[in-house]
C-alpha atoms as a PDB file:
ATOM      1  CA  MET A   1      -3.993 -28.241   9.020  1.00  0.00           C
ATOM      2  CA  GLU A   2      -6.698 -28.022   6.413  1.00  0.00           C
ATOM      3  CA  ASN A   3      -7.105 -30.672   3.758  1.00  0.00           C
ATOM      4  CA  PHE A   4      -5.925 -29.747   0.278  1.00  0.00           C
ATOM      5  CA  ASP A   5      -8.823 -29.177  -2.081  1.00  0.00           C
ATOM      6  CA  PRO A   6      -7.702 -28.846  -5.721  1.00  0.00           C
ATOM      7  CA  LYS A   7     -10.950 -27.073  -6.602  1.00  0.00           C
ATOM      8  CA  ASN A   8     -10.036 -24.190  -4.300  1.00  0.00           C
ATOM      9  CA  ALA A   9      -6.299 -24.096  -5.033  1.00  0.00           C
ATOM     10  CA  GLY A  10      -6.564 -20.932  -7.124  1.00  0.00           C
ATOM     11  CA  ALA A  11      -8.633 -19.155  -4.499  1.00  0.00           C
ATOM     12  CA  ASP A  12      -6.229 -20.254  -1.757  1.00  0.00           C
ATOM     13  CA  VAL A  13      -3.224 -18.965  -3.705  1.00  0.00           C
ATOM     14  CA  LEU A  14      -5.025 -15.689  -4.365  1.00  0.00           C
ATOM     15  CA  LYS A  15      -5.919 -15.345  -0.678  1.00  0.00           C
ATOM     16  CA  PHE A  16      -2.273 -15.932   0.266  1.00  0.00           C
ATOM     17  CA  MET A  17      -1.034 -13.414  -2.329  1.00  0.00           C
ATOM     18  CA  LYS A  18      -3.517 -10.778  -1.163  1.00  0.00           C
ATOM     19  CA  SER A  19      -2.578 -11.365   2.471  1.00  0.00           C
ATOM     20  CA  ALA A  20       1.130 -11.030   1.652  1.00  0.00           C
ATOM     21  CA  PHE A  21       0.449  -7.882  -0.385  1.00  0.00           C
ATOM     22  CA  ASP A  22      -1.630  -6.330   2.417  1.00  0.00           C
ATOM     23  CA  ALA A  23       1.052  -7.016   5.030  1.00  0.00           C
ATOM     24  CA  THR A  24       3.823  -5.620   2.828  1.00  0.00           C
ATOM     25  CA  PHE A  25       1.779  -2.589   1.823  1.00  0.00           C
ATOM     26  CA  ASP A  26       0.864  -1.805   5.437  1.00  0.00           C
ATOM     27  CA  ASN A  27       4.539  -1.919   6.406  1.00  0.00           C
ATOM     28  CA  VAL A  28       5.489   0.399   3.534  1.00  0.00           C
ATOM     29  CA  VAL A  29       2.806   2.851   4.694  1.00  0.00           C
ATOM     30  CA  LYS A  30       4.198   2.752   8.238  1.00  0.00           C
ATOM     31  CA  ILE A  31       7.713   3.443   6.951  1.00  0.00           C
ATOM     32  CA  GLN A  32       6.491   6.322   4.777  1.00  0.00           C
ATOM     33  CA  ASP A  33       4.550   7.801   7.680  1.00  0.00           C
ATOM     34  CA  LEU A  34       7.602   7.550   9.939  1.00  0.00           C
ATOM     35  CA  ASN A  35       9.797   9.198   7.286  1.00  0.00           C
ATOM     36  CA  GLU A  36       7.208  11.955   6.887  1.00  0.00           C
ATOM     37  CA  LYS A  37       7.224  12.616  10.639  1.00  0.00           C
ATOM     38  CA  MET A  38      11.020  12.631  10.807  1.00  0.00           C
ATOM     39  CA  LEU A  39      11.320  15.018   7.855  1.00  0.00           C
ATOM     40  CA  LYS A  40       8.733  17.374   9.284  1.00  0.00           C
ATOM     41  CA  ASP A  41      10.410  17.326  12.698  1.00  0.00           C
ATOM     42  CA  MET A  42      13.792  18.096  11.126  1.00  0.00           C
ATOM     43  CA  ILE A  43      12.355  20.931   9.056  1.00  0.00           C
ATOM     44  CA  GLU A  44      10.368  22.453  11.910  1.00  0.00           C
ATOM     45  CA  LYS A  45      13.466  22.477  14.106  1.00  0.00           C
ATOM     46  CA  GLY A  46      15.623  24.070  11.421  1.00  0.00           C
ATOM     47  CA  LYS A  47      15.804  27.825  12.019  1.00  0.00           C
ATOM     48  CA  GLU A  48      16.305  28.761   8.395  1.00  0.00           C
ATOM     49  CA  MET A  49      13.448  26.745   6.888  1.00  0.00           C
ATOM     50  CA  GLN A  50      11.624  28.704   4.225  1.00  0.00           C
ATOM     51  CA  ALA A  51       7.913  28.469   3.489  1.00  0.00           C
ATOM     52  CA  ASP A  52       8.458  27.207  -0.065  1.00  0.00           C
ATOM     53  CA  GLY A  53      10.557  24.318   1.296  1.00  0.00           C
ATOM     54  CA  MET A  54       7.668  23.230   3.491  1.00  0.00           C
ATOM     55  CA  ALA A  55       5.273  23.610   0.551  1.00  0.00           C
ATOM     56  CA  MET A  56       7.521  21.366  -1.571  1.00  0.00           C
ATOM     57  CA  LEU A  57       7.621  18.782   1.211  1.00  0.00           C
ATOM     58  CA  ASN A  58       3.830  18.847   1.577  1.00  0.00           C
ATOM     59  CA  ASP A  59       3.439  18.394  -2.199  1.00  0.00           C
ATOM     60  CA  PHE A  60       5.839  15.455  -2.091  1.00  0.00           C
ATOM     61  CA  ILE A  61       3.896  13.876   0.785  1.00  0.00           C
ATOM     62  CA  GLU A  62       0.546  14.368  -0.943  1.00  0.00           C
ATOM     63  CA  ASN A  63       1.857  12.885  -4.207  1.00  0.00           C
ATOM     64  CA  SER A  64       3.364   9.917  -2.344  1.00  0.00           C
ATOM     65  CA  LYS A  65       0.088   9.195  -0.563  1.00  0.00           C
ATOM     66  CA  LYS A  66      -1.901   9.553  -3.784  1.00  0.00           C
ATOM     67  CA  GLY A  67       0.507   7.233  -5.574  1.00  0.00           C
ATOM     68  CA  ARG A  68       0.305   4.552  -2.921  1.00  0.00           C
ATOM     69  CA  ASP A  69      -3.498   4.839  -2.749  1.00  0.00           C
ATOM     70  CA  ASP A  70      -3.755   4.536  -6.543  1.00  0.00           C
ATOM     71  CA  TYR A  71      -1.416   1.539  -6.483  1.00  0.00           C
ATOM     72  CA  ARG A  72      -3.454  -0.151  -3.754  1.00  0.00           C
ATOM     73  CA  LYS A  73      -6.679   0.393  -5.738  1.00  0.00           C
ATOM     74  CA  VAL A  74      -5.147  -1.111  -8.883  1.00  0.00           C
ATOM     75  CA  MET A  75      -3.909  -4.144  -6.940  1.00  0.00           C
ATOM     76  CA  GLU A  76      -7.215  -4.654  -5.130  1.00  0.00           C
ATOM     77  CA  ASP A  77      -9.114  -4.391  -8.422  1.00  0.00           C
ATOM     78  CA  GLY A  78      -6.768  -6.997  -9.893  1.00  0.00           C
ATOM     79  CA  PHE A  79      -7.282  -9.345  -6.940  1.00  0.00           C
ATOM     80  CA  LYS A  80     -11.041  -8.886  -7.245  1.00  0.00           C
ATOM     81  CA  LYS A  81     -11.009  -9.703 -10.985  1.00  0.00           C
ATOM     82  CA  VAL A  82      -8.953 -12.838 -10.430  1.00  0.00           C
ATOM     83  CA  GLU A  83     -11.246 -13.879  -7.590  1.00  0.00           C
ATOM     84  CA  GLU A  84     -14.316 -13.313  -9.790  1.00  0.00           C
ATOM     85  CA  THR A  85     -12.725 -15.368 -12.551  1.00  0.00           C
ATOM     86  CA  LEU A  86     -11.943 -18.202 -10.147  1.00  0.00           C
ATOM     87  CA  THR A  87     -15.463 -18.088  -8.708  1.00  0.00           C
ATOM     88  CA  ALA A  88     -17.016 -18.111 -12.185  1.00  0.00           C
ATOM     89  CA  GLU A  89     -15.046 -21.246 -13.136  1.00  0.00           C
ATOM     90  CA  LYS A  90     -16.611 -23.354 -10.369  1.00  0.00           C
END
């Protein structure tokens, strides 16, 4: 076990928060990817699937991926700013 260093407490908390965020985010991505595969499999096997239904699904998937990527960027930028602030205070 590492010794507690009060000078680095903020950085340690930030590191823990970022690690927890990354793990949670990665699991959400895996779930979304699995749901995407299941939906596509169901649609491809359906005999009456229309082209516009597949187009709507693809739009939904693209928007979901863009949303999660944008969210990740915002969170990573926030972590970086907090880290810079903590580093500047030393």
